[in-house]
Amino acid sequence: MPSREGIREGIRCILTGKLREGISEDYVEGLIAEWQNSQGVVIKVDRELPQVCEEAKGDRMFVVGFVSALAEAVKAGYVAVEPLIKELP
């Protein structure tokens, strides 16, 4: 799975031949990343599935429903994602 840096490097390789006019590669990369972010581009990440919170563990019906919903989401292909550009705190 490519990282943010991997995606940037891929874009850099594609555009290298087109940037002979003195435009900064960093500037063009930034524009592309901002555009992709505005279009909702995200990065798939490996992450553990959510866990049932301690307060809800006593509610058997909730736990069964929660686990069932997680199994269905995984089966349907839902994955964890992060924004292409992380917001600064």
PDB file of N, CA and C in Angstrom:
ATOM      1  N   MET A   1       0.852  -1.175   0.000  1.00  0.00           N
ATOM      2  CA  MET A   1       0.000   0.000   0.000  1.00  0.00           C
ATOM      3  C   MET A   1       0.894   1.232   0.000  1.00  0.00           C
ATOM      4  N   PRO A   2       0.713   2.136  -0.960  1.00  0.00           N
ATOM      5  CA  PRO A   2       1.587   3.304  -1.028  1.00  0.00           C
ATOM      6  C   PRO A   2       1.323   4.296   0.104  1.00  0.00           C
ATOM      7  N   SER A   3       2.377   4.929   0.530  1.00  0.00           N
ATOM      8  CA  SER A   3       2.257   5.975   1.548  1.00  0.00           C
ATOM      9  C   SER A   3       2.065   7.314   0.843  1.00  0.00           C
ATOM     10  N   ARG A   4       1.851   8.353   1.626  1.00  0.00           N
ATOM     11  CA  ARG A   4       1.747   9.697   1.041  1.00  0.00           C
ATOM     12  C   ARG A   4       2.990  10.008   0.207  1.00  0.00           C
ATOM     13  N   GLU A   5       4.162   9.626   0.763  1.00  0.00           N
ATOM     14  CA  GLU A   5       5.407   9.891   0.049  1.00  0.00           C
ATOM     15  C   GLU A   5       5.465   9.080  -1.248  1.00  0.00           C
ATOM     16  N   GLY A   6       4.965   7.854  -1.211  1.00  0.00           N
ATOM     17  CA  GLY A   6       4.951   7.023  -2.405  1.00  0.00           C
ATOM     18  C   GLY A   6       4.079   7.603  -3.499  1.00  0.00           C
ATOM     19  N   ILE A   7       2.920   8.118  -3.113  1.00  0.00           N
ATOM     20  CA  ILE A   7       2.025   8.754  -4.084  1.00  0.00           C
ATOM     21  C   ILE A   7       2.688  10.001  -4.660  1.00  0.00           C
ATOM     22  N   ARG A   8       3.287  10.792  -3.794  1.00  0.00           N
ATOM     23  CA  ARG A   8       3.986  11.991  -4.275  1.00  0.00           C
ATOM     24  C   ARG A   8       5.106  11.628  -5.240  1.00  0.00           C
ATOM     25  N   GLU A   9       5.858  10.561  -4.928  1.00  0.00           N
ATOM     26  CA  GLU A   9       6.955  10.150  -5.811  1.00  0.00           C
ATOM     27  C   GLU A   9       6.411   9.695  -7.160  1.00  0.00           C
ATOM     28  N   GLY A  10       5.281   8.997  -7.160  1.00  0.00           N
ATOM     29  CA  GLY A  10       4.663   8.584  -8.414  1.00  0.00           C
ATOM     30  C   GLY A  10       4.260   9.770  -9.258  1.00  0.00           C
ATOM     31  N   ILE A  11       3.659  10.757  -8.630  1.00  0.00           N
ATOM     32  CA  ILE A  11       3.269  11.972  -9.349  1.00  0.00           C
ATOM     33  C   ILE A  11       4.519  12.672  -9.878  1.00  0.00           C
ATOM     34  N   ARG A  12       5.558  12.707  -9.058  1.00  0.00           N
ATOM     35  CA  ARG A  12       6.809  13.348  -9.467  1.00  0.00           C
ATOM     36  C   ARG A  12       7.375  12.662 -10.715  1.00  0.00           C
ATOM     37  N   CYS A  13       7.370  11.352 -10.739  1.00  0.00           N
ATOM     38  CA  CYS A  13       7.899  10.612 -11.903  1.00  0.00           C
ATOM     39  C   CYS A  13       7.090  10.909 -13.158  1.00  0.00           C
ATOM     40  N   ILE A  14       5.784  10.968 -13.026  1.00  0.00           N
ATOM     41  CA  ILE A  14       4.921  11.228 -14.179  1.00  0.00           C
ATOM     42  C   ILE A  14       5.173  12.623 -14.735  1.00  0.00           C
ATOM     43  N   LEU A  15       5.345  13.582 -13.844  1.00  0.00           N
ATOM     44  CA  LEU A  15       5.449  14.976 -14.284  1.00  0.00           C
ATOM     45  C   LEU A  15       6.854  15.444 -14.618  1.00  0.00           C
ATOM     46  N   THR A  16       7.854  14.684 -14.254  1.00  0.00           N
ATOM     47  CA  THR A  16       9.231  15.135 -14.446  1.00  0.00           C
ATOM     48  C   THR A  16       9.493  15.583 -15.879  1.00  0.00           C
ATOM     49  N   GLY A  17       9.006  14.829 -16.838  1.00  0.00           N
ATOM     50  CA  GLY A  17       9.225  15.184 -18.234  1.00  0.00           C
ATOM     51  C   GLY A  17       8.499  16.446 -18.653  1.00  0.00           C
ATOM     52  N   LYS A  18       7.486  16.863 -17.905  1.00  0.00           N
ATOM     53  CA  LYS A  18       6.681  18.023 -18.269  1.00  0.00           C
ATOM     54  C   LYS A  18       7.107  19.289 -17.531  1.00  0.00           C
ATOM     55  N   LEU A  19       8.088  19.176 -16.648  1.00  0.00           N
ATOM     56  CA  LEU A  19       8.455  20.319 -15.822  1.00  0.00           C
ATOM     57  C   LEU A  19       9.777  20.948 -16.254  1.00  0.00           C
ATOM     58  N   ARG A  20      10.036  20.942 -17.509  1.00  0.00           N
ATOM     59  CA  ARG A  20      11.288  21.503 -18.026  1.00  0.00           C
ATOM     60  C   ARG A  20      11.210  23.019 -18.186  1.00  0.00           C
ATOM     61  N   GLU A  21      10.073  23.611 -17.822  1.00  0.00           N
ATOM     62  CA  GLU A  21       9.877  25.052 -18.038  1.00  0.00           C
ATOM     63  C   GLU A  21      10.211  25.894 -16.808  1.00  0.00           C
ATOM     64  N   GLY A  22      10.883  25.306 -15.827  1.00  0.00           N
ATOM     65  CA  GLY A  22      11.307  26.064 -14.662  1.00  0.00           C
ATOM     66  C   GLY A  22      10.295  26.112 -13.524  1.00  0.00           C
ATOM     67  N   ILE A  23       9.208  25.369 -13.626  1.00  0.00           N
ATOM     68  CA  ILE A  23       8.226  25.341 -12.540  1.00  0.00           C
ATOM     69  C   ILE A  23       8.722  24.363 -11.485  1.00  0.00           C
ATOM     70  N   SER A  24       8.671  24.765 -10.242  1.00  0.00           N
ATOM     71  CA  SER A  24       9.144  23.930  -9.146  1.00  0.00           C
ATOM     72  C   SER A  24       8.315  22.656  -9.029  1.00  0.00           C
ATOM     73  N   GLU A  25       9.010  21.503  -8.943  1.00  0.00           N
ATOM     74  CA  GLU A  25       8.309  20.234  -8.757  1.00  0.00           C
ATOM     75  C   GLU A  25       7.514  20.234  -7.447  1.00  0.00           C
ATOM     76  N   ASP A  26       8.094  20.793  -6.404  1.00  0.00           N
ATOM     77  CA  ASP A  26       7.398  20.843  -5.113  1.00  0.00           C
ATOM     78  C   ASP A  26       6.094  21.635  -5.227  1.00  0.00           C
ATOM     79  N   TYR A  27       6.124  22.728  -5.983  1.00  0.00           N
ATOM     80  CA  TYR A  27       4.922  23.539  -6.170  1.00  0.00           C
ATOM     81  C   TYR A  27       3.834  22.755  -6.909  1.00  0.00           C
ATOM     82  N   VAL A  28       4.231  22.082  -7.998  1.00  0.00           N
ATOM     83  CA  VAL A  28       3.271  21.307  -8.781  1.00  0.00           C
ATOM     84  C   VAL A  28       2.719  20.149  -7.949  1.00  0.00           C
ATOM     85  N   GLU A  29       3.589  19.460  -7.204  1.00  0.00           N
ATOM     86  CA  GLU A  29       3.139  18.374  -6.337  1.00  0.00           C
ATOM     87  C   GLU A  29       2.112  18.874  -5.329  1.00  0.00           C
ATOM     88  N   GLY A  30       2.384  20.032  -4.748  1.00  0.00           N
ATOM     89  CA  GLY A  30       1.455  20.604  -3.782  1.00  0.00           C
ATOM     90  C   GLY A  30       0.101  20.903  -4.400  1.00  0.00           C
ATOM     91  N   LEU A  31       0.112  21.457  -5.606  1.00  0.00           N
ATOM     92  CA  LEU A  31      -1.149  21.739  -6.299  1.00  0.00           C
ATOM     93  C   LEU A  31      -1.944  20.463  -6.568  1.00  0.00           C
ATOM     94  N   ILE A  32      -1.241  19.424  -7.019  1.00  0.00           N
ATOM     95  CA  ILE A  32      -1.916  18.160  -7.314  1.00  0.00           C
ATOM     96  C   ILE A  32      -2.482  17.539  -6.039  1.00  0.00           C
ATOM     97  N   ALA A  33      -1.694  17.527  -4.968  1.00  0.00           N
ATOM     98  CA  ALA A  33      -2.162  16.952  -3.703  1.00  0.00           C
ATOM     99  C   ALA A  33      -3.363  17.726  -3.163  1.00  0.00           C
ATOM    100  N   GLU A  34      -3.325  19.052  -3.250  1.00  0.00           N
ATOM    101  CA  GLU A  34      -4.462  19.860  -2.795  1.00  0.00           C
ATOM    102  C   GLU A  34      -5.704  19.566  -3.630  1.00  0.00           C
ATOM    103  N   TRP A  35      -5.523  19.427  -4.945  1.00  0.00           N
ATOM    104  CA  TRP A  35      -6.659  19.117  -5.811  1.00  0.00           C
ATOM    105  C   TRP A  35      -7.224  17.743  -5.472  1.00  0.00           C
ATOM    106  N   GLN A  36      -6.348  16.743  -5.328  1.00  0.00           N
ATOM    107  CA  GLN A  36      -6.816  15.400  -4.983  1.00  0.00           C
ATOM    108  C   GLN A  36      -7.556  15.411  -3.648  1.00  0.00           C
ATOM    109  N   ASN A  37      -7.027  16.123  -2.679  1.00  0.00           N
ATOM    110  CA  ASN A  37      -7.676  16.219  -1.371  1.00  0.00           C
ATOM    111  C   ASN A  37      -9.056  16.856  -1.514  1.00  0.00           C
ATOM    112  N   SER A  38      -9.174  17.890  -2.331  1.00  0.00           N
ATOM    113  CA  SER A  38     -10.471  18.562  -2.519  1.00  0.00           C
ATOM    114  C   SER A  38     -11.475  17.653  -3.214  1.00  0.00           C
ATOM    115  N   GLN A  39     -10.958  16.638  -3.926  1.00  0.00           N
ATOM    116  CA  GLN A  39     -11.825  15.693  -4.618  1.00  0.00           C
ATOM    117  C   GLN A  39     -12.160  14.482  -3.754  1.00  0.00           C
ATOM    118  N   GLY A  40     -11.661  14.478  -2.522  1.00  0.00           N
ATOM    119  CA  GLY A  40     -11.969  13.375  -1.607  1.00  0.00           C
ATOM    120  C   GLY A  40     -11.048  12.180  -1.717  1.00  0.00           C
ATOM    121  N   VAL A  41      -9.881  12.358  -2.345  1.00  0.00           N
ATOM    122  CA  VAL A  41      -8.932  11.258  -2.449  1.00  0.00           C
ATOM    123  C   VAL A  41      -8.436  10.922  -1.043  1.00  0.00           C
ATOM    124  N   VAL A  42      -8.422   9.633  -0.731  1.00  0.00           N
ATOM    125  CA  VAL A  42      -7.965   9.171   0.580  1.00  0.00           C
ATOM    126  C   VAL A  42      -6.953   8.050   0.388  1.00  0.00           C
ATOM    127  N   ILE A  43      -6.279   7.719   1.458  1.00  0.00           N
ATOM    128  CA  ILE A  43      -5.300   6.643   1.460  1.00  0.00           C
ATOM    129  C   ILE A  43      -5.839   5.511   2.320  1.00  0.00           C
ATOM    130  N   LYS A  44      -5.868   4.308   1.765  1.00  0.00           N
ATOM    131  CA  LYS A  44      -6.276   3.131   2.517  1.00  0.00           C
ATOM    132  C   LYS A  44      -5.165   2.808   3.510  1.00  0.00           C
ATOM    133  N   VAL A  45      -5.530   2.555   4.758  1.00  0.00           N
ATOM    134  CA  VAL A  45      -4.542   2.260   5.791  1.00  0.00           C
ATOM    135  C   VAL A  45      -4.877   0.941   6.473  1.00  0.00           C
ATOM    136  N   ASP A  46      -3.841   0.259   6.944  1.00  0.00           N
ATOM    137  CA  ASP A  46      -4.043  -0.943   7.748  1.00  0.00           C
ATOM    138  C   ASP A  46      -4.260  -0.497   9.189  1.00  0.00           C
ATOM    139  N   ARG A  47      -5.316  -0.995   9.769  1.00  0.00           N
ATOM    140  CA  ARG A  47      -5.660  -0.590  11.131  1.00  0.00           C
ATOM    141  C   ARG A  47      -6.511  -1.693  11.743  1.00  0.00           C
ATOM    142  N   GLU A  48      -6.429  -1.835  13.053  1.00  0.00           N
ATOM    143  CA  GLU A  48      -7.280  -2.806  13.734  1.00  0.00           C
ATOM    144  C   GLU A  48      -8.726  -2.354  13.660  1.00  0.00           C
ATOM    145  N   LEU A  49      -9.620  -3.326  13.704  1.00  0.00           N
ATOM    146  CA  LEU A  49     -11.048  -2.988  13.726  1.00  0.00           C
ATOM    147  C   LEU A  49     -11.398  -2.294  15.032  1.00  0.00           C
ATOM    148  N   PRO A  50     -12.438  -1.472  15.028  1.00  0.00           N
ATOM    149  CA  PRO A  50     -12.861  -0.815  16.268  1.00  0.00           C
ATOM    150  C   PRO A  50     -13.246  -1.845  17.325  1.00  0.00           C
ATOM    151  N   GLN A  51     -13.059  -1.495  18.559  1.00  0.00           N
ATOM    152  CA  GLN A  51     -13.406  -2.367  19.680  1.00  0.00           C
ATOM    153  C   GLN A  51     -14.638  -1.815  20.391  1.00  0.00           C
ATOM    154  N   VAL A  52     -15.373  -2.696  21.025  1.00  0.00           N
ATOM    155  CA  VAL A  52     -16.526  -2.270  21.817  1.00  0.00           C
ATOM    156  C   VAL A  52     -16.006  -1.539  23.048  1.00  0.00           C
ATOM    157  N   CYS A  53     -16.579  -0.377  23.338  1.00  0.00           N
ATOM    158  CA  CYS A  53     -16.130   0.390  24.499  1.00  0.00           C
ATOM    159  C   CYS A  53     -16.505  -0.347  25.792  1.00  0.00           C
ATOM    160  N   GLU A  54     -15.753  -0.095  26.840  1.00  0.00           N
ATOM    161  CA  GLU A  54     -15.948  -0.772  28.123  1.00  0.00           C
ATOM    162  C   GLU A  54     -17.371  -0.641  28.650  1.00  0.00           C
ATOM    163  N   GLU A  55     -17.956   0.544  28.502  1.00  0.00           N
ATOM    164  CA  GLU A  55     -19.298   0.783  29.037  1.00  0.00           C
ATOM    165  C   GLU A  55     -20.355  -0.097  28.373  1.00  0.00           C
ATOM    166  N   ALA A  56     -20.122  -0.468  27.105  1.00  0.00           N
ATOM    167  CA  ALA A  56     -21.122  -1.229  26.360  1.00  0.00           C
ATOM    168  C   ALA A  56     -20.932  -2.742  26.469  1.00  0.00           C
ATOM    169  N   LYS A  57     -19.820  -3.180  27.030  1.00  0.00           N
ATOM    170  CA  LYS A  57     -19.539  -4.613  27.071  1.00  0.00           C
ATOM    171  C   LYS A  57     -20.562  -5.397  27.883  1.00  0.00           C
ATOM    172  N   GLY A  58     -21.245  -4.763  28.811  1.00  0.00           N
ATOM    173  CA  GLY A  58     -22.254  -5.444  29.610  1.00  0.00           C
ATOM    174  C   GLY A  58     -23.563  -5.657  28.868  1.00  0.00           C
ATOM    175  N   ASP A  59     -23.758  -4.992  27.758  1.00  0.00           N
ATOM    176  CA  ASP A  59     -24.993  -5.095  26.976  1.00  0.00           C
ATOM    177  C   ASP A  59     -24.787  -6.127  25.870  1.00  0.00           C
ATOM    178  N   ARG A  60     -25.188  -7.373  26.153  1.00  0.00           N
ATOM    179  CA  ARG A  60     -24.945  -8.482  25.234  1.00  0.00           C
ATOM    180  C   ARG A  60     -25.533  -8.220  23.846  1.00  0.00           C
ATOM    181  N   MET A  61     -26.730  -7.702  23.768  1.00  0.00           N
ATOM    182  CA  MET A  61     -27.369  -7.449  22.479  1.00  0.00           C
ATOM    183  C   MET A  61     -26.576  -6.423  21.668  1.00  0.00           C
ATOM    184  N   PHE A  62     -26.067  -5.399  22.347  1.00  0.00           N
ATOM    185  CA  PHE A  62     -25.272  -4.393  21.655  1.00  0.00           C
ATOM    186  C   PHE A  62     -24.000  -5.012  21.094  1.00  0.00           C
ATOM    187  N   VAL A  63     -23.308  -5.804  21.918  1.00  0.00           N
ATOM    188  CA  VAL A  63     -22.055  -6.432  21.490  1.00  0.00           C
ATOM    189  C   VAL A  63     -22.293  -7.344  20.289  1.00  0.00           C
ATOM    190  N   VAL A  64     -23.354  -8.152  20.338  1.00  0.00           N
ATOM    191  CA  VAL A  64     -23.663  -9.049  19.218  1.00  0.00           C
ATOM    192  C   VAL A  64     -23.946  -8.231  17.951  1.00  0.00           C
ATOM    193  N   GLY A  65     -24.718  -7.177  18.080  1.00  0.00           N
ATOM    194  CA  GLY A  65     -25.016  -6.318  16.932  1.00  0.00           C
ATOM    195  C   GLY A  65     -23.783  -5.630  16.394  1.00  0.00           C
ATOM    196  N   PHE A  66     -22.936  -5.162  17.296  1.00  0.00           N
ATOM    197  CA  PHE A  66     -21.699  -4.476  16.919  1.00  0.00           C
ATOM    198  C   PHE A  66     -20.783  -5.404  16.137  1.00  0.00           C
ATOM    199  N   VAL A  67     -20.566  -6.606  16.657  1.00  0.00           N
ATOM    200  CA  VAL A  67     -19.693  -7.577  16.004  1.00  0.00           C
ATOM    201  C   VAL A  67     -20.281  -7.982  14.652  1.00  0.00           C
ATOM    202  N   SER A  68     -21.594  -8.169  14.603  1.00  0.00           N
ATOM    203  CA  SER A  68     -22.255  -8.531  13.348  1.00  0.00           C
ATOM    204  C   SER A  68     -22.094  -7.414  12.307  1.00  0.00           C
ATOM    205  N   ALA A  69     -22.276  -6.175  12.747  1.00  0.00           N
ATOM    206  CA  ALA A  69     -22.132  -5.038  11.833  1.00  0.00           C
ATOM    207  C   ALA A  69     -20.697  -4.926  11.310  1.00  0.00           C
ATOM    208  N   LEU A  70     -19.711  -5.146  12.182  1.00  0.00           N
ATOM    209  CA  LEU A  70     -18.312  -5.115  11.737  1.00  0.00           C
ATOM    210  C   LEU A  70     -18.044  -6.202  10.701  1.00  0.00           C
ATOM    211  N   ALA A  71     -18.548  -7.401  10.950  1.00  0.00           N
ATOM    212  CA  ALA A  71     -18.341  -8.513  10.014  1.00  0.00           C
ATOM    213  C   ALA A  71     -18.961  -8.192   8.659  1.00  0.00           C
ATOM    214  N   GLU A  72     -20.151  -7.614   8.654  1.00  0.00           N
ATOM    215  CA  GLU A  72     -20.814  -7.259   7.393  1.00  0.00           C
ATOM    216  C   GLU A  72     -20.056  -6.152   6.665  1.00  0.00           C
ATOM    217  N   ALA A  73     -19.540  -5.183   7.408  1.00  0.00           N
ATOM    218  CA  ALA A  73     -18.789  -4.086   6.795  1.00  0.00           C
ATOM    219  C   ALA A  73     -17.521  -4.601   6.128  1.00  0.00           C
ATOM    220  N   VAL A  74     -16.809  -5.497   6.813  1.00  0.00           N
ATOM    221  CA  VAL A  74     -15.588  -6.066   6.253  1.00  0.00           C
ATOM    222  C   VAL A  74     -15.925  -6.897   5.017  1.00  0.00           C
ATOM    223  N   LYS A  75     -16.986  -7.695   5.110  1.00  0.00           N
ATOM    224  CA  LYS A  75     -17.408  -8.530   3.984  1.00  0.00           C
ATOM    225  C   LYS A  75     -17.784  -7.665   2.775  1.00  0.00           C
ATOM    226  N   ALA A  76     -18.380  -6.511   3.026  1.00  0.00           N
ATOM    227  CA  ALA A  76     -18.798  -5.613   1.952  1.00  0.00           C
ATOM    228  C   ALA A  76     -17.635  -4.818   1.363  1.00  0.00           C
ATOM    229  N   GLY A  77     -16.455  -4.911   1.998  1.00  0.00           N
ATOM    230  CA  GLY A  77     -15.278  -4.242   1.450  1.00  0.00           C
ATOM    231  C   GLY A  77     -14.948  -2.902   2.072  1.00  0.00           C
ATOM    232  N   TYR A  78     -15.619  -2.542   3.162  1.00  0.00           N
ATOM    233  CA  TYR A  78     -15.276  -1.295   3.821  1.00  0.00           C
ATOM    234  C   TYR A  78     -13.873  -1.388   4.394  1.00  0.00           C
ATOM    235  N   VAL A  79     -13.119  -0.299   4.290  1.00  0.00           N
ATOM    236  CA  VAL A  79     -11.733  -0.265   4.765  1.00  0.00           C
ATOM    237  C   VAL A  79     -11.507   1.026   5.543  1.00  0.00           C
ATOM    238  N   ALA A  80     -10.417   1.056   6.295  1.00  0.00           N
ATOM    239  CA  ALA A  80     -10.020   2.262   7.026  1.00  0.00           C
ATOM    240  C   ALA A  80      -9.239   3.162   6.075  1.00  0.00           C
ATOM    241  N   VAL A  81      -9.525   4.458   6.122  1.00  0.00           N
ATOM    242  CA  VAL A  81      -8.821   5.415   5.268  1.00  0.00           C
ATOM    243  C   VAL A  81      -8.416   6.641   6.066  1.00  0.00           C
ATOM    244  N   GLU A  82      -7.453   7.364   5.530  1.00  0.00           N
ATOM    245  CA  GLU A  82      -7.020   8.642   6.093  1.00  0.00           C
ATOM    246  C   GLU A  82      -7.042   9.673   4.983  1.00  0.00           C
ATOM    247  N   PRO A  83      -7.220  10.950   5.333  1.00  0.00           N
ATOM    248  CA  PRO A  83      -7.180  12.004   4.301  1.00  0.00           C
ATOM    249  C   PRO A  83      -5.806  12.034   3.625  1.00  0.00           C
ATOM    250  N   LEU A  84      -5.789  12.430   2.380  1.00  0.00           N
ATOM    251  CA  LEU A  84      -4.516  12.561   1.656  1.00  0.00           C
ATOM    252  C   LEU A  84      -3.624  13.602   2.324  1.00  0.00           C
ATOM    253  N   ILE A  85      -4.235  14.705   2.761  1.00  0.00           N
ATOM    254  CA  ILE A  85      -3.496  15.760   3.436  1.00  0.00           C
ATOM    255  C   ILE A  85      -4.034  15.866   4.849  1.00  0.00           C
ATOM    256  N   LYS A  86      -3.180  15.627   5.837  1.00  0.00           N
ATOM    257  CA  LYS A  86      -3.611  15.704   7.222  1.00  0.00           C
ATOM    258  C   LYS A  86      -3.756  17.158   7.632  1.00  0.00           C
ATOM    259  N   GLU A  87      -4.851  17.441   8.351  1.00  0.00           N
ATOM    260  CA  GLU A  87      -5.074  18.786   8.860  1.00  0.00           C
ATOM    261  C   GLU A  87      -4.117  19.054  10.023  1.00  0.00           C
ATOM    262  N   LEU A  88      -3.603  20.250  10.095  1.00  0.00           N
ATOM    263  CA  LEU A  88      -2.730  20.618  11.203  1.00  0.00           C
ATOM    264  C   LEU A  88      -3.570  20.888  12.441  1.00  0.00           C
ATOM    265  N   PRO A  89      -3.039  20.535  13.616  1.00  0.00           N
ATOM    266  CA  PRO A  89      -3.814  20.753  14.861  1.00  0.00           C
ATOM    267  C   PRO A  89      -4.034  22.218  15.161  1.00  0.00           C
TER     268      PRO A  89
END
